[in-house]
Amino acid sequence: MEEIGVRLDGVTKSFGSVDVIRGVDMTVRKGEFAVFVGPSGCGKSTLLRMIAGLEDTTSGTIRIGDEDVTHEDPAKRGVAMVFQSYALYPHLTVFENMAFSLRLARRPRAEIDRKVREAAEILKLTEQLDKKPSELSGGQRQRVAIGRAIVRAPKVFLFDEPLSNLDAELRVQMRLELARLHRALGATMIYVTHDQVEAMTLADDIFVLQGGYVQQWGNPLDLYEDPSNRFVAGFIGSPSMNFFEAAVAGHTDEGIAARLNGQQDAVYDIALSARPAEGAPVVVGIRPEHLTLSTEAGLRVTVDVAEELGGISYQHGTLEGGDPVIFQQTGARHGMRGTIQTVVPEPGRIFLFDSEGTRLR
């Protein structure tokens, strides 16, 4: 039986009459790297702060390991939090910043020195221990903030969008360093981000939040391959999934035929256990990477913009009816902007949703 790192049962949070967290049940396994992901205002940072004890819980229980910490003081929960801002003391050296909490706790000097130097070795900060924060790069400052958490040896590390202040290159570098740090420490980590690329890169499990609810959780590739609703399908994957309004054109032996609205040549057989009525409105979802160029009948796309990324490109355009569409091309493709291209979906790569956004299977 797997040990529990953090468990939430029926957790809610209200600010007056505004419900921010609306009944969350989740389990983060001990030693797991879990990521809370979702758009701004979905409740992910509030949920993290509730686990840390920085926000009161309106109802429900929060457990860290075997202990109910729902109403426990933050300092007694065994968590360490790394924020978006580094919050380093500018007049203290790197060593002194990392040692600060241990000195407050009146730990022996030898223990403080050992823990700080061990953390510095893991984070490649040994050469910077005598420097002030102003002498460090943004990535080094964030590593100092992480080192300050490491020396406390917490049960759970909590990260609240820690890379959002870094430039693009440093973000990529720090993502890799965080993944290596997790493997080195084997600690339970919960990480909040609105960036689904960060989530896919780092997570053992992703918890997708929207409107105060966990919409779906699981392994990153499972969410990509098998989203439970339109929101998750559109949020996981970059660029986002294409969605097209459609209607059920008829039933087949394995499922249904769906015709895209305004696209007479776009009728697709979709394997389906559900049997929506003929003529029922549905939404067809196709990822950009699952649309391929074709000389046969298909979706005619007028290409407006081409994102040339070297090995791949993303072609942005519109269908004849005006609906936006993105499709991916592998290899260098030049001169597609302003042209009309025909694309077709790969077999078995079409998702179907009802008008409420629920996945039809």
Protein backbone atom coordinates (compact mmCIF):
# COMPACT_ATOMS: atom_id res chain seq x y z
CA MET A 1 0.00 0.00 0.00
CA GLU A 2 1.39 3.39 -1.04
CA GLU A 3 2.07 5.94 1.67
CA ILE A 4 0.17 9.21 1.61
CA GLY A 5 2.07 12.46 1.22
CA VAL A 6 -0.90 14.85 1.25
CA ARG A 7 -4.60 14.03 1.27
CA LEU A 8 -7.58 16.37 0.94
CA ASP A 9 -11.14 15.24 1.70
CA GLY A 10 -14.09 17.46 0.83
CA VAL A 11 -12.01 20.64 1.11
CA THR A 12 -13.78 23.95 0.48
CA LYS A 13 -12.79 27.58 0.79
CA SER A 14 -15.08 30.59 0.74
CA PHE A 15 -14.32 34.29 1.01
CA GLY A 16 -17.62 35.63 2.28
CA SER A 17 -20.24 34.60 -0.28
CA VAL A 18 -17.63 33.72 -2.92
CA ASP A 19 -16.77 30.02 -3.19
CA VAL A 20 -13.19 29.60 -4.40
CA ILE A 21 -12.59 25.90 -3.66
CA ARG A 22 -15.79 23.89 -4.00
CA GLY A 23 -15.16 20.42 -2.67
CA VAL A 24 -11.76 18.96 -3.54
CA ASP A 25 -10.79 15.34 -2.90
CA MET A 26 -7.25 14.38 -3.84
CA THR A 27 -4.34 12.26 -2.76
CA VAL A 28 -0.68 13.05 -3.47
CA ARG A 29 1.48 10.00 -2.86
CA LYS A 30 4.55 10.22 -0.65
CA GLY A 31 7.59 11.08 -2.78
CA GLU A 32 5.45 12.17 -5.74
CA PHE A 33 5.88 15.35 -7.79
CA ALA A 34 2.33 16.64 -8.19
CA VAL A 35 1.40 19.70 -10.22
CA PHE A 36 -1.71 21.86 -9.82
CA VAL A 37 -2.41 23.46 -13.18
CA GLY A 38 -5.15 25.69 -14.49
CA PRO A 39 -5.94 29.23 -15.67
CA SER A 40 -5.75 32.31 -13.47
CA GLY A 41 -8.50 32.33 -10.85
CA CYS A 42 -9.11 28.56 -10.87
CA GLY A 43 -8.11 28.17 -7.19
CA LYS A 44 -4.76 26.40 -7.53
CA SER A 45 -2.71 28.89 -5.46
CA THR A 46 -5.47 29.10 -2.84
CA LEU A 47 -5.42 25.32 -2.54
CA LEU A 48 -1.64 25.33 -2.10
CA ARG A 49 -1.87 28.03 0.58
CA MET A 50 -4.51 25.96 2.39
CA ILE A 51 -2.14 22.99 2.49
CA ALA A 52 0.55 25.32 3.84
CA GLY A 53 -1.84 26.70 6.48
CA LEU A 54 -1.66 30.23 5.09
CA GLU A 55 -5.40 30.14 4.34
CA ASP A 56 -8.05 28.72 6.67
CA THR A 57 -10.11 25.76 5.47
CA THR A 58 -13.84 26.47 5.36
CA SER A 59 -14.73 22.76 5.49
CA GLY A 60 -13.15 19.38 4.88
CA THR A 61 -9.86 17.91 6.13
CA ILE A 62 -6.21 18.16 5.10
CA ARG A 63 -3.79 15.41 6.09
CA ILE A 64 -0.02 15.40 5.71
CA GLY A 65 1.15 11.85 6.12
CA ASP A 66 -0.97 10.34 8.89
CA GLU A 67 -1.61 13.65 10.65
CA ASP A 68 -4.71 15.83 10.38
CA VAL A 69 -3.32 19.35 9.95
CA THR A 70 -6.53 21.11 8.93
CA HIS A 71 -6.32 23.57 11.83
CA GLU A 72 -2.62 23.18 12.65
CA ASP A 73 -0.27 26.16 12.78
CA PRO A 74 1.73 26.52 9.52
CA ALA A 75 5.05 26.16 11.35
CA LYS A 76 3.98 22.76 12.70
CA ARG A 77 2.83 21.20 9.43
CA GLY A 78 6.24 20.10 8.21
CA VAL A 79 6.01 22.01 4.94
CA ALA A 80 8.35 24.47 3.23
CA MET A 81 7.09 26.89 0.61
CA VAL A 82 8.94 28.49 -2.31
CA PHE A 83 7.20 31.56 -3.69
CA GLN A 84 7.16 33.36 -7.02
CA SER A 85 9.31 36.13 -5.50
CA TYR A 86 12.65 35.02 -4.07
CA ALA A 87 12.12 36.96 -0.80
CA LEU A 88 15.83 36.87 0.04
CA TYR A 89 17.40 39.16 2.62
CA PRO A 90 19.58 41.50 0.52
CA HIS A 91 22.04 42.27 3.35
CA LEU A 92 22.75 38.59 4.09
CA THR A 93 25.00 36.23 2.16
CA VAL A 94 23.72 33.14 0.40
CA PHE A 95 24.91 31.04 3.35
CA GLU A 96 23.14 33.29 5.85
CA ASN A 97 19.91 33.33 3.83
CA MET A 98 19.85 29.54 3.66
CA ALA A 99 20.74 29.19 7.34
CA PHE A 100 18.21 31.74 8.59
CA SER A 101 15.39 29.36 9.62
CA LEU A 102 17.82 26.98 11.31
CA ARG A 103 19.33 29.80 13.34
CA LEU A 104 15.85 30.93 14.38
CA ALA A 105 15.24 27.36 15.55
CA ARG A 106 18.52 27.55 17.53
CA ARG A 107 20.03 24.52 15.83
CA PRO A 108 23.70 23.74 16.64
CA ARG A 109 26.24 25.60 14.54
CA ALA A 110 27.78 22.39 13.19
CA GLU A 111 24.38 21.11 12.08
CA ILE A 112 23.58 24.40 10.35
CA ASP A 113 26.91 24.39 8.50
CA ARG A 114 26.46 20.77 7.39
CA LYS A 115 22.88 21.21 6.15
CA VAL A 116 23.58 24.44 4.28
CA ARG A 117 26.65 23.01 2.56
CA GLU A 118 24.80 19.80 1.63
CA ALA A 119 21.97 21.84 0.09
CA ALA A 120 24.48 24.12 -1.68
CA GLU A 121 26.20 21.07 -3.17
CA ILE A 122 22.88 19.71 -4.51
CA LEU A 123 21.96 23.10 -5.99
CA LYS A 124 25.45 23.92 -7.31
CA LEU A 125 25.70 26.98 -5.09
CA THR A 126 28.89 26.13 -3.19
CA GLU A 127 30.90 28.83 -4.99
CA GLN A 128 28.22 31.45 -4.22
CA LEU A 129 27.84 30.93 -0.46
CA ASP A 130 29.74 34.13 0.43
CA LYS A 131 27.95 36.30 -2.12
CA LYS A 132 25.00 38.65 -1.60
CA PRO A 133 21.75 38.15 -3.61
CA SER A 134 22.53 41.24 -5.73
CA GLU A 135 25.58 39.41 -7.12
CA LEU A 136 23.53 36.44 -8.34
CA SER A 137 21.55 35.73 -11.49
CA GLY A 138 17.78 35.19 -11.33
CA GLY A 139 18.20 31.42 -11.56
CA GLN A 140 20.77 31.39 -8.76
CA ARG A 141 18.49 33.48 -6.53
CA GLN A 142 15.67 31.03 -7.06
CA ARG A 143 18.00 28.16 -6.17
CA VAL A 144 18.89 29.97 -2.94
CA ALA A 145 15.17 30.20 -2.13
CA ILE A 146 14.84 26.47 -2.82
CA GLY A 147 17.94 25.79 -0.69
CA ARG A 148 16.36 27.68 2.18
CA ALA A 149 13.50 25.17 1.98
CA ILE A 150 15.76 22.11 1.63
CA VAL A 151 17.71 22.76 4.84
CA ARG A 152 14.49 22.48 6.84
CA ALA A 153 14.02 18.87 5.63
CA PRO A 154 10.24 19.29 5.32
CA LYS A 155 7.73 16.51 4.76
CA VAL A 156 6.34 18.40 1.76
CA PHE A 157 7.77 21.06 -0.56
CA LEU A 158 5.24 23.56 -1.91
CA PHE A 159 6.11 25.65 -5.00
CA ASP A 160 3.89 28.59 -6.00
CA GLU A 161 4.78 29.47 -9.62
CA PRO A 162 8.49 29.73 -8.71
CA LEU A 163 9.76 30.19 -12.27
CA SER A 164 7.39 32.88 -13.54
CA ASN A 165 9.91 35.70 -12.95
CA LEU A 166 12.62 34.04 -15.04
CA ASP A 167 13.25 34.48 -18.75
CA ALA A 168 12.39 31.68 -21.18
CA GLU A 169 15.86 30.09 -21.30
CA LEU A 170 16.24 30.10 -17.52
CA ARG A 171 12.76 28.61 -17.09
CA VAL A 172 13.73 25.62 -19.21
CA GLN A 173 17.00 25.21 -17.28
CA MET A 174 15.27 25.47 -13.89
CA ARG A 175 12.58 22.97 -14.90
CA LEU A 176 15.31 20.42 -15.55
CA GLU A 177 17.04 21.29 -12.28
CA LEU A 178 13.79 20.88 -10.31
CA ALA A 179 13.22 17.46 -11.91
CA ARG A 180 16.76 16.41 -10.93
CA LEU A 181 16.29 17.84 -7.44
CA HIS A 182 13.14 15.78 -6.95
CA ARG A 183 14.96 12.60 -7.98
CA ALA A 184 17.88 13.44 -5.65
CA LEU A 185 15.69 14.19 -2.61
CA GLY A 186 12.83 11.75 -3.20
CA ALA A 187 10.59 14.24 -1.40
CA THR A 188 6.89 14.96 -1.82
CA MET A 189 6.55 18.09 -3.94
CA ILE A 190 3.46 20.05 -4.97
CA TYR A 191 3.95 22.63 -7.67
CA VAL A 192 1.50 25.29 -8.90
CA THR A 193 1.67 26.70 -12.42
CA HIS A 194 -0.58 28.03 -15.17
CA ASP A 195 1.93 26.74 -17.75
CA GLN A 196 0.88 23.31 -18.95
CA VAL A 197 4.33 22.74 -20.54
CA GLU A 198 5.86 22.99 -17.06
CA ALA A 199 3.19 20.63 -15.79
CA MET A 200 3.82 18.04 -18.51
CA THR A 201 7.59 18.29 -17.99
CA LEU A 202 7.71 17.96 -14.21
CA ALA A 203 4.69 16.02 -12.97
CA ASP A 204 4.22 12.45 -11.89
CA ASP A 205 0.54 13.42 -11.62
CA ILE A 206 -1.23 16.55 -12.85
CA PHE A 207 -4.34 17.92 -11.14
CA VAL A 208 -6.24 20.15 -13.59
CA LEU A 209 -8.31 22.78 -11.77
CA GLN A 210 -11.06 25.03 -13.06
CA GLY A 211 -13.78 26.89 -11.18
CA GLY A 212 -12.67 25.55 -7.81
CA TYR A 213 -12.97 21.90 -8.85
CA VAL A 214 -10.45 19.27 -9.89
CA GLN A 215 -11.60 18.58 -13.45
CA GLN A 216 -9.30 15.57 -13.89
CA TRP A 217 -6.08 14.20 -12.49
CA GLY A 218 -3.55 11.62 -13.57
CA ASN A 219 -0.32 10.94 -15.43
CA PRO A 220 0.48 13.74 -17.93
CA LEU A 221 0.29 11.50 -20.99
CA ASP A 222 -2.95 9.92 -19.76
CA LEU A 223 -4.53 13.38 -19.59
CA TYR A 224 -3.22 14.16 -23.07
CA GLU A 225 -4.44 10.88 -24.57
CA ASP A 226 -7.70 10.54 -22.63
CA PRO A 227 -9.14 13.89 -21.43
CA SER A 228 -12.46 13.60 -19.61
CA ASN A 229 -13.94 16.88 -20.87
CA ARG A 230 -13.46 19.71 -23.33
CA PHE A 231 -11.72 21.95 -20.80
CA VAL A 232 -8.98 19.40 -20.02
CA ALA A 233 -8.63 18.53 -23.71
CA GLY A 234 -8.08 22.18 -24.57
CA PHE A 235 -5.80 22.94 -21.64
CA ILE A 236 -3.43 19.97 -21.92
CA GLY A 237 -1.43 20.09 -25.14
CA SER A 238 0.41 22.91 -26.89
CA PRO A 239 -0.84 24.39 -29.14
CA SER A 240 -4.36 23.85 -27.89
CA MET A 241 -6.73 21.33 -29.45
CA ASN A 242 -8.90 22.47 -32.37
CA PHE A 243 -12.63 22.38 -31.66
CA PHE A 244 -15.28 22.32 -34.38
CA GLU A 245 -19.06 22.49 -34.06
CA ALA A 246 -20.64 19.42 -35.65
CA ALA A 247 -23.75 17.28 -35.73
CA VAL A 248 -24.42 13.54 -35.71
CA ALA A 249 -24.92 12.58 -39.37
CA GLY A 250 -25.82 8.97 -38.65
CA HIS A 251 -24.95 5.78 -36.79
CA THR A 252 -22.37 3.19 -37.82
CA ASP A 253 -21.53 -0.32 -36.64
CA GLU A 254 -18.81 1.02 -34.32
CA GLY A 255 -20.18 4.44 -33.41
CA ILE A 256 -21.38 7.50 -35.28
CA ALA A 257 -20.65 9.64 -38.29
CA ALA A 258 -20.15 13.31 -37.40
CA ARG A 259 -20.34 16.14 -39.96
CA LEU A 260 -18.60 19.43 -39.23
CA ASN A 261 -20.98 22.37 -39.58
CA GLY A 262 -20.58 24.07 -42.95
CA GLN A 263 -18.12 21.42 -44.19
CA GLN A 264 -19.89 19.03 -46.57
CA ASP A 265 -16.72 16.97 -47.20
CA ALA A 266 -15.84 16.69 -43.49
CA VAL A 267 -17.76 13.61 -42.32
CA TYR A 268 -15.86 11.39 -39.89
CA ASP A 269 -16.59 7.96 -38.48
CA ILE A 270 -15.91 7.91 -34.76
CA ALA A 271 -15.86 4.74 -32.64
CA LEU A 272 -18.25 5.38 -29.77
CA SER A 273 -20.17 3.42 -27.16
CA ALA A 274 -22.59 6.30 -26.61
CA ARG A 275 -25.35 6.74 -29.19
CA PRO A 276 -26.40 10.40 -29.45
CA ALA A 277 -29.46 10.93 -31.62
CA GLU A 278 -29.07 11.70 -35.29
CA GLY A 279 -28.85 15.45 -35.76
CA ALA A 280 -27.70 16.05 -32.17
CA PRO A 281 -25.12 18.84 -31.81
CA VAL A 282 -21.63 17.69 -30.84
CA VAL A 283 -18.13 19.16 -30.75
CA VAL A 284 -15.28 17.48 -32.61
CA GLY A 285 -11.78 17.91 -31.14
CA ILE A 286 -8.59 17.33 -33.16
CA ARG A 287 -5.08 18.19 -32.00
CA PRO A 288 -2.85 20.20 -34.40
CA GLU A 289 -0.33 17.35 -34.51
CA HIS A 290 -3.05 14.95 -35.69
CA LEU A 291 -3.97 16.93 -38.82
CA THR A 292 -1.98 16.00 -41.92
CA LEU A 293 -1.80 17.43 -45.43
CA SER A 294 -3.81 15.56 -48.04
CA THR A 295 -4.59 15.71 -51.76
CA GLU A 296 -8.00 14.13 -51.11
CA ALA A 297 -11.17 15.79 -49.82
CA GLY A 298 -10.88 17.21 -46.32
CA LEU A 299 -10.70 20.49 -44.44
CA ARG A 300 -9.66 23.37 -46.69
CA VAL A 301 -7.56 25.78 -44.65
CA THR A 302 -6.48 29.26 -45.69
CA VAL A 303 -3.13 29.68 -43.93
CA ASP A 304 -2.74 33.13 -42.31
CA VAL A 305 0.33 32.75 -40.07
CA ALA A 306 3.14 30.22 -39.93
CA GLU A 307 5.10 29.69 -36.71
CA GLU A 308 8.41 28.37 -38.02
CA LEU A 309 10.25 26.62 -35.19
CA GLY A 310 12.87 24.80 -37.22
CA GLY A 311 12.12 21.09 -36.91
CA ILE A 312 8.38 21.73 -36.80
CA SER A 313 6.03 24.55 -37.73
CA TYR A 314 2.49 25.45 -36.70
CA GLN A 315 0.25 26.68 -39.48
CA HIS A 316 -2.59 28.94 -38.31
CA GLY A 317 -5.53 29.48 -40.59
CA THR A 318 -9.28 29.49 -41.09
CA LEU A 319 -11.74 27.09 -42.62
CA GLU A 320 -14.04 28.17 -45.43
CA GLY A 321 -16.74 28.96 -42.86
CA GLY A 322 -14.36 31.16 -40.86
CA ASP A 323 -13.54 28.77 -38.00
CA PRO A 324 -9.92 28.98 -36.77
CA VAL A 325 -7.66 25.95 -37.13
CA ILE A 326 -4.03 25.05 -36.38
CA PHE A 327 -2.12 22.16 -37.91
CA GLN A 328 1.44 20.99 -37.36
CA GLN A 329 4.05 20.30 -39.98
CA THR A 330 7.29 18.38 -39.43
CA GLY A 331 10.43 19.66 -41.11
CA ALA A 332 11.04 23.07 -42.64
CA ARG A 333 8.02 24.15 -44.70
CA HIS A 334 8.22 27.55 -46.34
CA GLY A 335 5.74 29.54 -48.38
CA MET A 336 2.49 28.18 -46.91
CA ARG A 337 1.22 31.57 -45.69
CA GLY A 338 -1.58 32.82 -47.94
CA THR A 339 -2.11 29.40 -49.55
CA ILE A 340 -5.07 27.04 -49.25
CA GLN A 341 -4.16 23.63 -47.85
CA THR A 342 -6.28 20.52 -47.35
CA VAL A 343 -5.83 18.60 -44.11
CA VAL A 344 -7.39 15.43 -42.75
CA PRO A 345 -7.33 13.96 -39.21
CA GLU A 346 -5.34 10.84 -38.42
CA PRO A 347 -7.60 7.80 -37.96
CA GLY A 348 -8.60 7.21 -34.34
CA ARG A 349 -7.37 10.64 -33.26
CA ILE A 350 -10.72 12.45 -33.14
CA PHE A 351 -12.30 13.37 -29.80
CA LEU A 352 -16.01 13.98 -29.38
CA PHE A 353 -17.79 16.09 -26.78
CA ASP A 354 -21.42 16.90 -26.12
CA SER A 355 -22.72 20.47 -26.10
CA GLU A 356 -21.96 20.72 -22.34
CA GLY A 357 -18.32 19.79 -22.87
CA THR A 358 -18.47 16.23 -21.49
CA ARG A 359 -16.40 13.68 -23.37
CA LEU A 360 -18.41 11.12 -25.35
CA ARG A 361 -16.79 7.70 -25.37
